[in-house]
Amino acid sequence: MPESTKVEQNRVQVALEQVYRAGDQIYIRYSITNRTEAPYRATVPAVYAQAPVKNAVSLVSLRNHQLGRKTYASFKTHRGVALDVVQPESTPRDLAPGEKATGVIGIKCTDANQPRLYQLNFGIDQTRPVTAEAVL
């Protein structure tokens, strides 16, 4: 699922590992790895359905893929609509440096046949937002 990206040191990284669909729900299994030297509070992410202004790449060709920063930036998105996260299977916890945690969330999708651009926002680490972007 993830686009090949190099591991960034001194960052909290998110990997979207699996996507399941059931009816009008999309379930996302993710992992968070704390590659910083400070504790990080892992929480249930806020999820946004993004509205791309410019489609440099077809969303259909990227369906079920996590996007790297460069690919995501090519869409030139506007802040999307916040979605309700249903049935989160993760609890807030502190991750020590080097520690990894996993979680599962569900989101309701209105049109399961059309790929959409999503951003999952996990807050901030020491310096930058911790996000994951994907076409689902």
Protein backbone atom coordinates (compact mmCIF):
# COMPACT_ATOMS: atom_id res chain seq x y z
CA MET A 1 0.00 0.00 0.00
CA PRO A 2 2.67 2.65 0.81
CA GLU A 3 4.42 4.45 -2.01
CA SER A 4 8.12 3.75 -1.77
CA THR A 5 9.60 6.48 0.38
CA LYS A 6 12.82 6.69 2.30
CA VAL A 7 12.74 6.54 6.07
CA GLU A 8 13.13 9.96 7.64
CA GLN A 9 15.04 10.09 10.88
CA ASN A 10 13.87 12.33 13.72
CA ARG A 11 10.24 12.13 12.50
CA VAL A 12 7.12 10.27 13.53
CA GLN A 13 6.13 8.16 10.53
CA VAL A 14 2.79 6.63 9.61
CA ALA A 15 2.33 3.65 7.31
CA LEU A 16 -1.12 2.70 6.04
CA GLU A 17 -0.82 -1.07 5.97
CA GLN A 18 -4.18 -2.51 4.92
CA VAL A 19 -7.53 -1.30 3.62
CA TYR A 20 -10.77 -3.27 3.95
CA ARG A 21 -14.15 -2.34 2.52
CA ALA A 22 -17.46 -3.50 3.97
CA GLY A 23 -20.62 -1.92 2.61
CA ASP A 24 -20.28 1.85 2.94
CA GLN A 25 -17.31 1.63 5.35
CA ILE A 26 -13.58 1.75 4.69
CA TYR A 27 -11.37 0.28 7.42
CA ILE A 28 -7.73 1.33 7.54
CA ARG A 29 -5.04 -0.50 9.51
CA TYR A 30 -2.03 1.75 10.17
CA SER A 31 1.19 1.81 12.14
CA ILE A 32 2.98 4.74 13.75
CA THR A 33 6.73 4.64 14.41
CA ASN A 34 8.37 7.22 16.64
CA ARG A 35 11.77 7.90 15.05
CA THR A 36 12.35 10.98 17.24
CA GLU A 37 14.24 11.28 20.51
CA ALA A 38 11.16 12.41 22.45
CA PRO A 39 7.91 10.67 23.46
CA TYR A 40 5.00 11.05 21.03
CA ARG A 41 1.31 10.84 21.97
CA ALA A 42 -0.40 8.56 19.42
CA THR A 43 -4.11 9.38 19.11
CA VAL A 44 -7.02 8.50 16.83
CA PRO A 45 -6.44 10.49 13.63
CA ALA A 46 -8.70 13.15 12.19
CA VAL A 47 -9.64 12.14 8.63
CA TYR A 48 -10.31 14.57 5.78
CA ALA A 49 -11.70 13.88 2.32
CA GLN A 50 -9.51 16.18 0.23
CA ALA A 51 -10.66 18.18 -2.78
CA PRO A 52 -7.92 18.18 -5.41
CA VAL A 53 -7.76 21.35 -7.48
CA LYS A 54 -5.39 19.85 -10.00
CA ASN A 55 -5.17 16.17 -10.89
CA ALA A 56 -1.66 15.69 -12.24
CA VAL A 57 -2.13 11.94 -11.85
CA SER A 58 -5.29 9.87 -12.21
CA LEU A 59 -6.88 8.95 -8.88
CA VAL A 60 -7.95 5.62 -10.40
CA SER A 61 -4.33 4.62 -10.99
CA LEU A 62 -3.45 5.41 -7.35
CA ARG A 63 -6.42 3.66 -5.71
CA ASN A 64 -5.45 1.87 -2.47
CA HIS A 65 -2.05 3.56 -2.31
CA GLN A 66 -0.47 5.71 0.35
CA LEU A 67 1.08 8.75 -1.29
CA GLY A 68 4.51 10.23 -0.78
CA ARG A 69 4.85 13.97 -0.13
CA LYS A 70 5.82 14.77 -3.72
CA THR A 71 2.84 12.93 -5.25
CA TYR A 72 0.40 14.41 -2.73
CA ALA A 73 1.73 17.93 -3.36
CA SER A 74 1.08 17.50 -7.10
CA PHE A 75 -2.68 17.49 -6.41
CA LYS A 76 -2.70 21.04 -4.98
CA THR A 77 -5.60 20.32 -2.62
CA HIS A 78 -7.89 22.56 -0.61
CA ARG A 79 -8.61 21.65 2.99
CA GLY A 80 -11.11 18.82 2.77
CA VAL A 81 -14.25 17.88 4.61
CA ALA A 82 -13.74 16.32 8.05
CA LEU A 83 -15.15 12.80 8.27
CA ASP A 84 -16.43 10.96 11.30
CA VAL A 85 -14.09 8.19 12.42
CA VAL A 86 -16.14 5.13 13.37
CA GLN A 87 -15.12 2.17 15.48
CA PRO A 88 -11.54 3.23 16.24
CA GLU A 89 -9.50 0.25 17.43
CA SER A 90 -6.72 2.28 18.96
CA THR A 91 -6.34 4.16 22.18
CA PRO A 92 -4.22 7.22 22.86
CA ARG A 93 -0.83 6.21 24.22
CA ASP A 94 2.65 7.59 24.49
CA LEU A 95 5.26 6.09 22.19
CA ALA A 96 8.82 6.11 23.46
CA PRO A 97 11.61 6.87 20.97
CA GLY A 98 11.92 3.94 18.57
CA GLU A 99 8.56 2.44 19.59
CA LYS A 100 5.85 1.40 17.12
CA ALA A 101 2.07 1.09 17.57
CA THR A 102 -0.77 -0.03 15.33
CA GLY A 103 -4.41 0.98 15.06
CA VAL A 104 -7.52 0.52 12.96
CA ILE A 105 -10.12 3.14 12.07
CA GLY A 106 -13.24 3.10 9.97
CA ILE A 107 -14.66 5.90 7.86
CA LYS A 108 -17.95 6.09 6.02
CA CYS A 109 -17.65 6.54 2.26
CA THR A 110 -20.53 7.88 0.22
CA ASP A 111 -19.46 6.43 -3.13
CA ALA A 112 -17.32 3.31 -2.77
CA ASN A 113 -16.85 3.00 -6.54
CA GLN A 114 -15.05 6.34 -6.93
CA PRO A 115 -11.51 6.72 -5.59
CA ARG A 116 -11.03 9.70 -3.28
CA LEU A 117 -8.06 11.47 -1.82
CA TYR A 118 -7.86 11.29 1.99
CA GLN A 119 -5.57 12.81 4.58
CA LEU A 120 -5.20 11.31 8.05
CA ASN A 121 -3.92 13.83 10.58
CA PHE A 122 -2.20 12.42 13.68
CA GLY A 123 -1.30 15.76 15.26
CA ILE A 124 2.27 17.06 15.33
CA ASP A 125 5.62 15.69 16.38
CA GLN A 126 8.29 18.08 17.62
CA THR A 127 8.31 20.20 14.48
CA ARG A 128 5.80 19.19 11.78
CA PRO A 129 2.35 17.73 11.28
CA VAL A 130 2.17 13.92 11.30
CA THR A 131 -0.02 12.98 8.35
CA ALA A 132 -0.63 10.19 5.89
CA GLU A 133 -2.27 10.72 2.53
CA ALA A 134 -3.88 8.02 0.41
CA VAL A 135 -6.25 7.39 -2.45
CA LEU A 136 -8.94 4.96 -1.33
